[in-house]
C-alpha atoms as a PDB file:
ATOM      1  CA  UNK A   1     107.122 -28.887-218.060  1.00  0.00           C
ATOM      2  CA  UNK A   2     104.803 -29.432-221.002  1.00  0.00           C
ATOM      3  CA  UNK A   3     106.733 -26.881-223.093  1.00  0.00           C
ATOM      4  CA  UNK A   4     110.026 -28.637-222.316  1.00  0.00           C
ATOM      5  CA  UNK A   5     108.556 -31.955-223.483  1.00  0.00           C
ATOM      6  CA  UNK A   6     107.362 -30.384-226.720  1.00  0.00           C
ATOM      7  CA  UNK A   7     110.762 -28.757-227.256  1.00  0.00           C
ATOM      8  CA  UNK A   8     112.547 -32.073-226.700  1.00  0.00           C
ATOM      9  CA  UNK A   9     110.154 -33.839-229.060  1.00  0.00           C
ATOM     10  CA  UNK A  10     110.687 -31.152-231.720  1.00  0.00           C
ATOM     11  CA  UNK A  11     114.460 -31.392-231.307  1.00  0.00           C
ATOM     12  CA  UNK A  12     114.311 -35.179-231.601  1.00  0.00           C
ATOM     13  CA  UNK A  13     112.255 -34.928-234.794  1.00  0.00           C
ATOM     14  CA  UNK A  14     114.690 -32.388-236.252  1.00  0.00           C
ATOM     15  CA  UNK A  15     117.671 -34.635-235.469  1.00  0.00           C
ATOM     16  CA  UNK A  16     115.868 -37.638-236.964  1.00  0.00           C
ATOM     17  CA  UNK A  17     115.046 -35.671-240.105  1.00  0.00           C
ATOM     18  CA  UNK A  18     118.681 -34.558-240.483  1.00  0.00           C
ATOM     19  CA  UNK A  19     119.855 -38.140-239.989  1.00  0.00           C
ATOM     20  CA  UNK A  20     117.426 -39.402-242.620  1.00  0.00           C
ATOM     21  CA  UNK A  21     118.472 -36.633-244.995  1.00  0.00           C
ATOM     22  CA  UNK A  22     122.163 -37.510-244.568  1.00  0.00           C
ATOM     23  CA  UNK A  23     121.397 -41.207-245.068  1.00  0.00           C
ATOM     24  CA  UNK A  24     119.486 -40.377-248.250  1.00  0.00           C
ATOM     25  CA  UNK A  25     122.430 -38.320-249.554  1.00  0.00           C
ATOM     26  CA  UNK A  26     124.815 -41.209-248.811  1.00  0.00           C
ATOM     27  CA  UNK A  27     122.432 -43.635-250.527  1.00  0.00           C
ATOM     28  CA  UNK A  28     122.375 -41.444-253.624  1.00  0.00           C
ATOM     29  CA  UNK A  29     126.133 -41.858-253.769  1.00  0.00           C
ATOM     30  CA  UNK A  30     127.529 -41.131-257.181  1.00  0.00           C
ATOM     31  CA  UNK A  31     124.068 -40.700-258.695  1.00  0.00           C
ATOM     32  CA  UNK A  32     123.988 -37.268-257.089  1.00  0.00           C
ATOM     33  CA  UNK A  33     127.460 -36.299-258.353  1.00  0.00           C
ATOM     34  CA  UNK A  34     128.070 -34.528-261.617  1.00  0.00           C
ATOM     35  CA  UNK A  35     130.576 -36.023-264.055  1.00  0.00           C
ATOM     36  CA  UNK A  36     132.867 -33.065-263.353  1.00  0.00           C
ATOM     37  CA  UNK A  37     132.723 -33.718-259.590  1.00  0.00           C
ATOM     38  CA  UNK A  38     133.485 -37.417-260.160  1.00  0.00           C
ATOM     39  CA  UNK A  39     136.447 -36.571-262.398  1.00  0.00           C
ATOM     40  CA  UNK A  40     137.718 -34.051-259.846  1.00  0.00           C
ATOM     41  CA  UNK A  41     137.535 -36.629-257.039  1.00  0.00           C
ATOM     42  CA  UNK A  42     139.421 -39.189-259.162  1.00  0.00           C
ATOM     43  CA  UNK A  43     142.073 -36.564-260.030  1.00  0.00           C
ATOM     44  CA  UNK A  44     142.442 -35.582-256.363  1.00  0.00           C
ATOM     45  CA  UNK A  45     142.933 -39.235-255.443  1.00  0.00           C
ATOM     46  CA  UNK A  46     145.538 -39.703-258.186  1.00  0.00           C
ATOM     47  CA  UNK A  47     147.390 -36.630-256.912  1.00  0.00           C
ATOM     48  CA  UNK A  48     147.246 -37.917-253.320  1.00  0.00           C
ATOM     49  CA  UNK A  49     148.742 -41.247-254.420  1.00  0.00           C
ATOM     50  CA  UNK A  50     151.305 -40.021-256.966  1.00  0.00           C
ATOM     51  CA  UNK A  51     154.967 -39.733-256.006  1.00  0.00           C
ATOM     52  CA  UNK A  52     154.273 -41.011-252.537  1.00  0.00           C
ATOM     53  CA  UNK A  53     155.107 -44.009-250.429  1.00  0.00           C
ATOM     54  CA  UNK A  54     152.292 -45.372-248.284  1.00  0.00           C
ATOM     55  CA  UNK A  55     153.258 -47.512-245.308  1.00  0.00           C
ATOM     56  CA  UNK A  56     150.648 -50.200-244.739  1.00  0.00           C
ATOM     57  CA  UNK A  57     150.237 -53.108-242.371  1.00  0.00           C
ATOM     58  CA  UNK A  58     149.425 -56.481-243.883  1.00  0.00           C
ATOM     59  CA  UNK A  59     147.204 -58.859-241.930  1.00  0.00           C
ATOM     60  CA  UNK A  60     148.517 -62.241-243.029  1.00  0.00           C
ATOM     61  CA  UNK A  61     146.712 -65.458-242.089  1.00  0.00           C
ATOM     62  CA  UNK A  62     149.084 -67.863-240.342  1.00  0.00           C
ATOM     63  CA  UNK A  63     147.141 -70.947-239.366  1.00  0.00           C
ATOM     64  CA  UNK A  64     144.558 -69.928-236.775  1.00  0.00           C
ATOM     65  CA  UNK A  65     146.390 -66.660-236.071  1.00  0.00           C
ATOM     66  CA  UNK A  66     146.940 -63.471-238.045  1.00  0.00           C
ATOM     67  CA  UNK A  67     150.396 -61.936-238.321  1.00  0.00           C
ATOM     68  CA  UNK A  68     150.897 -58.220-238.962  1.00  0.00           C
ATOM     69  CA  UNK A  69     153.678 -57.368-241.405  1.00  0.00           C
ATOM     70  CA  UNK A  70     154.656 -53.910-242.693  1.00  0.00           C
ATOM     71  CA  UNK A  71     154.743 -53.154-246.408  1.00  0.00           C
ATOM     72  CA  UNK A  72     155.191 -50.027-248.503  1.00  0.00           C
ATOM     73  CA  UNK A  73     153.241 -49.137-251.640  1.00  0.00           C
ATOM     74  CA  UNK A  74     155.089 -46.745-253.928  1.00  0.00           C
ATOM     75  CA  UNK A  75     153.115 -44.776-256.508  1.00  0.00           C
ATOM     76  CA  UNK A  76     154.963 -43.068-259.358  1.00  0.00           C
ATOM     77  CA  UNK A  77     154.161 -42.231-262.977  1.00  0.00           C
ATOM     78  CA  UNK A  78     150.796 -44.008-262.923  1.00  0.00           C
ATOM     79  CA  UNK A  79     152.312 -47.221-261.563  1.00  0.00           C
ATOM     80  CA  UNK A  80     152.381 -48.902-258.174  1.00  0.00           C
ATOM     81  CA  UNK A  81     154.725 -51.375-256.525  1.00  0.00           C
ATOM     82  CA  UNK A  82     154.665 -53.194-253.213  1.00  0.00           C
ATOM     83  CA  UNK A  83     157.977 -53.614-251.429  1.00  0.00           C
ATOM     84  CA  UNK A  84     156.962 -57.115-250.260  1.00  0.00           C
ATOM     85  CA  UNK A  85     155.607 -58.236-253.638  1.00  0.00           C
ATOM     86  CA  UNK A  86     158.663 -56.847-255.445  1.00  0.00           C
ATOM     87  CA  UNK A  87     160.864 -58.937-253.124  1.00  0.00           C
ATOM     88  CA  UNK A  88     158.800 -61.967-254.221  1.00  0.00           C
ATOM     89  CA  UNK A  89     159.408 -61.200-257.915  1.00  0.00           C
ATOM     90  CA  UNK A  90     156.219 -59.310-258.788  1.00  0.00           C
ATOM     91  CA  UNK A  91     156.640 -56.389-261.184  1.00  0.00           C
ATOM     92  CA  UNK A  92     155.224 -52.893-260.702  1.00  0.00           C
ATOM     93  CA  UNK A  93     152.021 -52.309-262.621  1.00  0.00           C
ATOM     94  CA  UNK A  94     149.665 -49.625-263.860  1.00  0.00           C
ATOM     95  CA  UNK A  95     147.261 -48.336-261.244  1.00  0.00           C
ATOM     96  CA  UNK A  96     143.614 -47.665-262.014  1.00  0.00           C
ATOM     97  CA  UNK A  97     141.804 -45.087-259.861  1.00  0.00           C
ATOM     98  CA  UNK A  98     138.028 -44.932-259.757  1.00  0.00           C
ATOM     99  CA  UNK A  99     135.022 -44.472-257.510  1.00  0.00           C
ATOM    100  CA  UNK A 100     132.777 -47.007-255.779  1.00  0.00           C
ATOM    101  CA  UNK A 101     129.001 -46.682-256.064  1.00  0.00           C
ATOM    102  CA  UNK A 102     128.933 -44.579-252.885  1.00  0.00           C
ATOM    103  CA  UNK A 103     131.641 -42.211-254.183  1.00  0.00           C
ATOM    104  CA  UNK A 104     134.543 -43.664-252.162  1.00  0.00           C
ATOM    105  CA  UNK A 105     137.829 -43.398-254.110  1.00  0.00           C
ATOM    106  CA  UNK A 106     139.507 -46.735-254.863  1.00  0.00           C
ATOM    107  CA  UNK A 107     142.601 -47.887-256.692  1.00  0.00           C
ATOM    108  CA  UNK A 108     143.335 -51.295-258.109  1.00  0.00           C
ATOM    109  CA  UNK A 109     145.984 -53.154-260.032  1.00  0.00           C
ATOM    110  CA  UNK A 110     147.151 -56.606-261.039  1.00  0.00           C
ATOM    111  CA  UNK A 111     150.784 -57.630-260.667  1.00  0.00           C
ATOM    112  CA  UNK A 112     152.442 -60.676-262.225  1.00  0.00           C
ATOM    113  CA  UNK A 113     155.712 -62.433-261.460  1.00  0.00           C
ATOM    114  CA  UNK A 114     158.022 -64.352-263.830  1.00  0.00           C
ATOM    115  CA  UNK A 115     156.076 -67.587-263.207  1.00  0.00           C
ATOM    116  CA  UNK A 116     152.739 -65.933-264.121  1.00  0.00           C
ATOM    117  CA  UNK A 117     151.513 -65.917-260.529  1.00  0.00           C
ATOM    118  CA  UNK A 118     149.033 -63.064-260.106  1.00  0.00           C
ATOM    119  CA  UNK A 119     148.432 -60.632-257.255  1.00  0.00           C
ATOM    120  CA  UNK A 120     145.304 -58.481-257.410  1.00  0.00           C
ATOM    121  CA  UNK A 121     145.394 -55.385-255.195  1.00  0.00           C
ATOM    122  CA  UNK A 122     142.421 -53.149-254.408  1.00  0.00           C
ATOM    123  CA  UNK A 123     142.184 -50.371-251.825  1.00  0.00           C
ATOM    124  CA  UNK A 124     139.874 -47.599-250.655  1.00  0.00           C
ATOM    125  CA  UNK A 125     141.448 -44.207-249.995  1.00  0.00           C
ATOM    126  CA  UNK A 126     140.156 -41.661-247.500  1.00  0.00           C
ATOM    127  CA  UNK A 127     142.477 -38.708-246.957  1.00  0.00           C
ATOM    128  CA  UNK A 128     145.727 -40.124-245.601  1.00  0.00           C
ATOM    129  CA  UNK A 129     144.145 -43.495-244.807  1.00  0.00           C
ATOM    130  CA  UNK A 130     143.992 -46.562-246.978  1.00  0.00           C
ATOM    131  CA  UNK A 131     142.534 -50.024-246.507  1.00  0.00           C
ATOM    132  CA  UNK A 132     142.378 -52.860-248.940  1.00  0.00           C
ATOM    133  CA  UNK A 133     143.076 -56.408-249.936  1.00  0.00           C
ATOM    134  CA  UNK A 134     145.676 -58.383-251.865  1.00  0.00           C
ATOM    135  CA  UNK A 135     144.501 -61.601-253.466  1.00  0.00           C
ATOM    136  CA  UNK A 136     147.383 -63.812-254.582  1.00  0.00           C
ATOM    137  CA  UNK A 137     146.458 -66.420-257.164  1.00  0.00           C
ATOM    138  CA  UNK A 138     149.402 -68.667-257.911  1.00  0.00           C
ATOM    139  CA  UNK A 139     149.551 -70.880-261.002  1.00  0.00           C
ATOM    140  CA  UNK A 140     149.977 -73.826-258.619  1.00  0.00           C
ATOM    141  CA  UNK A 141     148.791 -73.889-255.037  1.00  0.00           C
ATOM    142  CA  UNK A 142     146.098 -72.252-252.985  1.00  0.00           C
ATOM    143  CA  UNK A 143     144.820 -68.726-253.369  1.00  0.00           C
ATOM    144  CA  UNK A 144     145.597 -66.423-250.412  1.00  0.00           C
ATOM    145  CA  UNK A 145     143.929 -63.214-249.364  1.00  0.00           C
ATOM    146  CA  UNK A 146     145.552 -60.587-247.152  1.00  0.00           C
ATOM    147  CA  UNK A 147     143.979 -57.404-245.858  1.00  0.00           C
ATOM    148  CA  UNK A 148     145.947 -54.228-245.218  1.00  0.00           C
ATOM    149  CA  UNK A 149     145.474 -50.811-243.687  1.00  0.00           C
ATOM    150  CA  UNK A 150     147.529 -47.708-242.966  1.00  0.00           C
ATOM    151  CA  UNK A 151     146.642 -48.046-239.269  1.00  0.00           C
ATOM    152  CA  UNK A 152     148.567 -50.691-237.303  1.00  0.00           C
END
């Protein structure tokens, strides 16, 4: 019985050590990545986005409720467009791909319509999943923020 207790204690310590080690690696984030590894991750993200349509689900505030509305982001030739924003007069724009401090790939852009209303879009990418936010800042009127994700 005493040996079993010692074995369980040792196993618990080993699991704790592994958990702490993984947390430390995550905390190091990009500091532990070489420039080549960072560039490769950015290139992989660009390739995953390019020439692809991503169906997303917008979470739109509607009073005290939130309405879910589908949208499609289309990436081509270093540019991105949103089907919903295009229907509202926003033009496609250049997409910038980078990495967050923890190494998570992100893309961002700013789209403008004919009246100079601005929509900022920023999203994290993880494999075939994406989640992000659109912040619409009209010349006149209130700013609105909508979240989106590839999962309904």
